[in-house]
């Protein structure tokens, strides 16, 4: 009689599916390079991001300035590296705000139901009625432009997505046997919510977090492009694009490279998030 095959752990099964998805691996590699660049920008950048030389303004890519210089003679490569730090900071803070508030609202609404669920979901519907970028602009208009307000605005407009996903997961989980067993054992609501329900709802939360990082980057870049986000002299990709508008014909490299950075990082997060969704979906068997 042959011995039974060992059971593959859930993490190993997810990794097996993920590594077979080439698009997800490419996206993960792009995200890894982005994070590495953001962390080690001071060690990698050949110049200070605010160091300018008006005598060398708008120079094309060369051996000294790999991506050329901008309208103030600053090295574009260095500014893109430091801009990765600003973008990652905005993404992390905004997504953490949305994750904390959205998960809490989704847990309460899905678990308790009734008037609590109705009130929370109607508030989320009101937020969803506004296009994301316009809601963020409205928040910035009230709070004023700046890095902190940009992170807060991007976080607030992302809350409904997390709240709806968590609520849907809790609605399908709260009648399961393990929840009934926890109630029978005398565990309180807080223990059931955070020890049993939330851990079992992590798969869609992880996927939404990854995909939301891309959306927040696009929103932050758009607001900075409009002058409502990160203010000078901080290097930020959207603001770099805005400053490059007068030179699209005479020096297209000034806008090309920040635009490529935004495109590649957004694509990386989207590809990686799609791969995670396919890998974490228990209904997909191969």
Protein backbone atom coordinates (compact mmCIF):
# COMPACT_ATOMS: atom_id res chain seq x y z
CA UNK A 1 0.00 0.00 0.00
CA UNK A 2 1.49 3.34 -1.04
CA UNK A 3 1.99 6.06 1.53
CA UNK A 4 -0.31 9.10 1.29
CA UNK A 5 1.16 12.14 -0.39
CA UNK A 6 2.11 14.91 2.07
CA UNK A 7 -0.31 17.83 2.13
CA UNK A 8 1.04 21.02 0.64
CA UNK A 9 0.79 24.02 2.94
CA UNK A 10 -1.38 26.89 1.81
CA UNK A 11 1.59 29.26 1.51
CA UNK A 12 3.51 26.73 -0.61
CA UNK A 13 0.48 26.22 -2.84
CA UNK A 14 0.07 29.97 -3.33
CA UNK A 15 3.76 30.32 -4.19
CA UNK A 16 3.54 27.40 -6.63
CA UNK A 17 0.69 29.07 -8.50
CA UNK A 18 2.31 32.48 -8.35
CA UNK A 19 5.64 31.39 -9.78
CA UNK A 20 3.87 29.77 -12.74
CA UNK A 21 2.33 33.14 -13.62
CA UNK A 22 5.01 34.94 -15.62
CA UNK A 23 3.14 38.22 -15.70
CA UNK A 24 2.87 38.19 -11.90
CA UNK A 25 6.60 37.47 -11.56
CA UNK A 26 7.41 40.37 -13.89
CA UNK A 27 5.12 42.62 -11.88
CA UNK A 28 6.66 41.44 -8.61
CA UNK A 29 10.14 42.14 -9.97
CA UNK A 30 9.13 45.68 -10.96
CA UNK A 31 7.63 46.28 -7.51
CA UNK A 32 10.76 44.88 -5.84
CA UNK A 33 13.01 47.19 -7.89
CA UNK A 34 10.74 50.14 -7.04
CA UNK A 35 10.89 49.41 -3.30
CA UNK A 36 14.66 48.81 -3.40
CA UNK A 37 15.17 52.08 -5.27
CA UNK A 38 13.01 53.99 -2.80
CA UNK A 39 14.89 52.64 0.20
CA UNK A 40 18.41 53.05 -1.15
CA UNK A 41 17.96 56.19 -3.27
CA UNK A 42 20.61 58.20 -1.33
CA UNK A 43 23.19 55.49 -2.00
CA UNK A 44 22.27 55.03 -5.69
CA UNK A 45 21.65 58.60 -6.87
CA UNK A 46 24.76 60.21 -8.39
CA UNK A 47 23.58 63.75 -7.55
CA UNK A 48 21.49 65.48 -4.92
CA UNK A 49 17.90 65.80 -6.19
CA UNK A 50 17.82 69.58 -5.72
CA UNK A 51 21.30 70.32 -7.05
CA UNK A 52 20.91 72.44 -10.17
CA UNK A 53 23.21 73.98 -12.74
CA UNK A 54 21.50 76.52 -15.00
CA UNK A 55 24.41 76.32 -17.39
CA UNK A 56 23.49 72.68 -18.12
CA UNK A 57 19.71 72.95 -18.20
CA UNK A 58 17.68 70.69 -20.52
CA UNK A 59 20.69 68.59 -21.54
CA UNK A 60 19.81 65.28 -23.24
CA UNK A 61 20.90 61.95 -21.74
CA UNK A 62 24.67 61.61 -21.54
CA UNK A 63 27.39 59.64 -19.77
CA UNK A 64 27.33 62.08 -16.85
CA UNK A 65 23.58 62.60 -16.65
CA UNK A 66 22.07 59.25 -17.70
CA UNK A 67 18.54 60.61 -18.19
CA UNK A 68 19.51 64.21 -18.92
CA UNK A 69 18.76 67.33 -16.90
CA UNK A 70 15.59 69.32 -16.30
CA UNK A 71 14.72 73.00 -16.70
CA UNK A 72 16.90 73.94 -13.70
CA UNK A 73 19.84 71.72 -14.61
CA UNK A 74 18.98 69.04 -12.04
CA UNK A 75 19.81 65.42 -12.76
CA UNK A 76 16.59 63.65 -13.80
CA UNK A 77 17.84 60.18 -12.86
CA UNK A 78 18.54 61.29 -9.29
CA UNK A 79 15.19 63.03 -9.02
CA UNK A 80 13.36 59.93 -10.24
CA UNK A 81 15.17 57.83 -7.62
CA UNK A 82 14.23 60.23 -4.83
CA UNK A 83 10.75 60.55 -6.31
CA UNK A 84 10.34 56.81 -5.74
CA UNK A 85 10.79 57.46 -2.01
CA UNK A 86 8.06 60.10 -2.02
CA UNK A 87 5.71 57.87 -4.05
CA UNK A 88 6.26 54.85 -1.79
CA UNK A 89 5.66 56.97 1.30
CA UNK A 90 2.39 58.28 -0.13
CA UNK A 91 1.26 54.77 -1.12
CA UNK A 92 2.05 53.18 2.23
CA UNK A 93 0.43 55.87 4.38
CA UNK A 94 -2.66 56.28 2.19
CA UNK A 95 -3.26 52.54 1.88
CA UNK A 96 -2.73 52.01 5.62
CA UNK A 97 -5.32 54.71 6.36
CA UNK A 98 -7.80 53.08 3.98
CA UNK A 99 -6.97 49.58 5.22
CA UNK A 100 -7.45 50.40 8.91
CA UNK A 101 -10.66 52.40 8.50
CA UNK A 102 -12.14 50.21 5.75
CA UNK A 103 -11.49 46.94 7.59
CA UNK A 104 -13.00 48.27 10.81
CA UNK A 105 -16.12 49.58 9.06
CA UNK A 106 -16.50 46.38 7.02
CA UNK A 107 -16.11 44.18 10.09
CA UNK A 108 -18.70 46.11 12.10
CA UNK A 109 -21.20 46.36 9.25
CA UNK A 110 -20.88 42.75 8.12
CA UNK A 111 -20.93 41.22 11.59
CA UNK A 112 -23.65 43.24 13.32
CA UNK A 113 -25.88 44.02 10.33
CA UNK A 114 -29.02 46.06 10.94
CA UNK A 115 -28.81 49.81 11.31
CA UNK A 116 -25.01 49.73 11.72
CA UNK A 117 -24.54 47.96 8.40
CA UNK A 118 -27.12 50.17 6.68
CA UNK A 119 -25.56 53.40 7.93
CA UNK A 120 -21.99 52.37 7.08
CA UNK A 121 -22.84 51.14 3.60
CA UNK A 122 -24.88 54.22 2.74
CA UNK A 123 -21.94 56.40 3.77
CA UNK A 124 -19.66 54.29 1.57
CA UNK A 125 -22.13 54.61 -1.31
CA UNK A 126 -22.01 58.40 -0.98
CA UNK A 127 -18.21 58.34 -1.21
CA UNK A 128 -18.35 55.97 -4.19
CA UNK A 129 -20.78 58.28 -5.96
CA UNK A 130 -17.88 60.69 -6.54
CA UNK A 131 -15.15 59.76 -9.03
CA UNK A 132 -12.02 59.05 -6.99
CA UNK A 133 -9.88 61.86 -8.35
CA UNK A 134 -12.65 64.45 -7.86
CA UNK A 135 -13.24 63.29 -4.29
CA UNK A 136 -9.52 63.62 -3.61
CA UNK A 137 -9.49 67.09 -5.18
CA UNK A 138 -12.42 68.11 -2.97
CA UNK A 139 -10.60 66.95 0.15
CA UNK A 140 -7.42 68.76 -0.92
CA UNK A 141 -9.48 71.90 -1.60
CA UNK A 142 -10.66 71.84 2.02
CA UNK A 143 -7.36 70.85 3.65
CA UNK A 144 -4.96 72.61 1.28
CA UNK A 145 -2.14 71.18 -0.87
CA UNK A 146 0.81 69.35 0.62
CA UNK A 147 2.27 65.90 1.20
CA UNK A 148 0.35 65.06 4.39
CA UNK A 149 -2.97 66.25 3.02
CA UNK A 150 -2.35 64.33 -0.20
CA UNK A 151 -1.82 61.11 1.74
CA UNK A 152 -4.95 61.76 3.80
CA UNK A 153 -7.05 62.50 0.70
CA UNK A 154 -5.85 59.38 -1.12
CA UNK A 155 -6.52 57.30 1.99
CA UNK A 156 -10.05 58.63 2.54
CA UNK A 157 -11.20 58.04 -1.02
CA UNK A 158 -9.87 54.45 -0.86
CA UNK A 159 -11.82 53.50 2.28
CA UNK A 160 -15.06 52.35 0.55
CA UNK A 161 -13.28 49.69 -1.52
CA UNK A 162 -11.83 48.03 1.57
CA UNK A 163 -15.05 48.38 3.55
CA UNK A 164 -17.16 46.68 0.87
CA UNK A 165 -14.70 43.82 0.33
CA UNK A 166 -14.35 43.12 4.07
CA UNK A 167 -18.10 43.35 4.62
CA UNK A 168 -18.76 40.83 1.84
CA UNK A 169 -16.23 38.40 3.28
CA UNK A 170 -17.64 38.73 6.81
CA UNK A 171 -21.19 38.14 5.60
CA UNK A 172 -20.12 34.81 4.09
CA UNK A 173 -17.98 33.79 7.08
CA UNK A 174 -19.99 34.76 10.15
CA UNK A 175 -22.37 31.79 9.89
CA UNK A 176 -19.58 29.22 9.55
CA UNK A 177 -19.11 26.46 12.11
CA UNK A 178 -15.89 27.88 13.56
CA UNK A 179 -17.70 31.11 14.44
CA UNK A 180 -20.51 29.20 16.12
CA UNK A 181 -17.92 27.20 18.03
CA UNK A 182 -16.21 30.39 19.20
CA UNK A 183 -19.54 31.78 20.42
CA UNK A 184 -20.30 28.52 22.22
CA UNK A 185 -16.90 28.72 23.92
CA UNK A 186 -17.87 32.11 25.34
CA UNK A 187 -15.64 34.32 23.20
CA UNK A 188 -16.71 37.93 22.87
CA UNK A 189 -17.46 39.80 19.68
CA UNK A 190 -14.04 41.47 19.54
CA UNK A 191 -12.28 38.12 19.82
CA UNK A 192 -14.46 36.57 17.12
CA UNK A 193 -13.92 39.54 14.81
CA UNK A 194 -10.15 39.86 15.13
CA UNK A 195 -9.07 36.30 15.98
CA UNK A 196 -11.36 34.33 13.69
CA UNK A 197 -13.13 36.39 11.04
CA UNK A 198 -10.46 38.90 10.01
CA UNK A 199 -7.67 36.31 9.49
CA UNK A 200 -9.99 34.25 7.28
CA UNK A 201 -10.78 37.33 5.17
CA UNK A 202 -7.14 38.22 4.52
CA UNK A 203 -6.89 36.89 0.95
CA UNK A 204 -9.17 39.51 -0.68
CA UNK A 205 -7.71 42.20 1.60
CA UNK A 206 -4.16 41.42 0.44
CA UNK A 207 -5.25 41.50 -3.20
CA UNK A 208 -7.08 44.81 -2.78
CA UNK A 209 -4.09 46.31 -0.95
CA UNK A 210 -1.74 45.45 -3.80
CA UNK A 211 -4.07 46.78 -6.50
CA UNK A 212 -4.83 49.90 -4.48
CA UNK A 213 -1.15 50.80 -4.34
CA UNK A 214 -1.27 51.34 -8.10
CA UNK A 215 -4.44 53.45 -7.89
CA UNK A 216 -3.01 55.63 -5.13
CA UNK A 217 0.15 56.25 -7.15
CA UNK A 218 -1.90 57.38 -10.15
CA UNK A 219 -4.07 59.64 -7.98
CA UNK A 220 -1.10 61.17 -6.16
CA UNK A 221 0.73 61.79 -9.44
CA UNK A 222 -2.39 63.36 -10.95
CA UNK A 223 -2.91 65.68 -7.99
CA UNK A 224 0.75 66.71 -7.99
CA UNK A 225 0.53 67.30 -11.75
CA UNK A 226 -2.32 69.74 -11.03
CA UNK A 227 -0.29 71.44 -8.30
CA UNK A 228 -2.47 70.08 -5.48
CA UNK A 229 -0.12 67.41 -4.15
CA UNK A 230 3.57 67.40 -3.31
CA UNK A 231 5.01 70.90 -3.47
CA UNK A 232 8.49 72.02 -4.60
CA UNK A 233 11.30 71.38 -3.94
CA UNK A 234 10.35 67.75 -3.19
CA UNK A 235 10.94 65.51 -6.22
CA UNK A 236 7.70 63.77 -7.22
CA UNK A 237 6.93 62.12 -10.55
CA UNK A 238 3.63 63.90 -11.20
CA UNK A 239 5.10 67.29 -10.33
CA UNK A 240 8.07 66.54 -12.61
CA UNK A 241 5.63 65.87 -15.45
CA UNK A 242 3.84 69.14 -14.76
CA UNK A 243 7.08 71.13 -14.80
CA UNK A 244 8.08 69.45 -18.08
CA UNK A 245 5.00 70.56 -20.05
CA UNK A 246 6.61 73.65 -21.65
CA UNK A 247 9.50 71.52 -22.95
CA UNK A 248 7.65 68.62 -24.59
CA UNK A 249 8.90 69.65 -28.03
CA UNK A 250 12.36 71.06 -27.28
CA UNK A 251 13.37 68.57 -24.55
CA UNK A 252 10.97 65.60 -24.51
CA UNK A 253 13.23 63.56 -22.22
CA UNK A 254 12.25 65.79 -19.28
CA UNK A 255 8.69 64.39 -19.38
CA UNK A 256 9.39 60.96 -20.87
CA UNK A 257 11.31 59.40 -18.01
CA UNK A 258 9.02 60.41 -15.10
CA UNK A 259 6.07 59.24 -17.20
CA UNK A 260 7.75 55.90 -17.85
CA UNK A 261 8.45 55.51 -14.13
CA UNK A 262 4.77 56.01 -13.28
CA UNK A 263 3.67 53.63 -16.04
CA UNK A 264 6.08 50.84 -15.06
CA UNK A 265 5.31 50.95 -11.33
CA UNK A 266 1.54 51.05 -11.88
CA UNK A 267 1.83 48.16 -14.34
CA UNK A 268 3.98 46.23 -11.86
CA UNK A 269 1.48 46.55 -9.01
CA UNK A 270 -1.43 45.63 -11.30
CA UNK A 271 0.30 42.55 -12.73
CA UNK A 272 1.39 41.40 -9.28
CA UNK A 273 -2.08 42.03 -7.83
CA UNK A 274 -3.75 40.06 -10.62
CA UNK A 275 -1.33 37.21 -10.04
CA UNK A 276 -2.03 37.22 -6.31
CA UNK A 277 -5.77 37.13 -7.01
CA UNK A 278 -5.39 34.07 -9.20
CA UNK A 279 -3.04 32.37 -6.73
CA UNK A 280 -5.15 33.04 -3.63
CA UNK A 281 -8.48 32.05 -5.20
CA UNK A 282 -9.32 28.62 -3.72
CA UNK A 283 -11.73 27.92 -6.57
CA UNK A 284 -8.85 27.73 -9.07
CA UNK A 285 -7.54 24.20 -9.20
CA UNK A 286 -4.90 22.92 -11.53
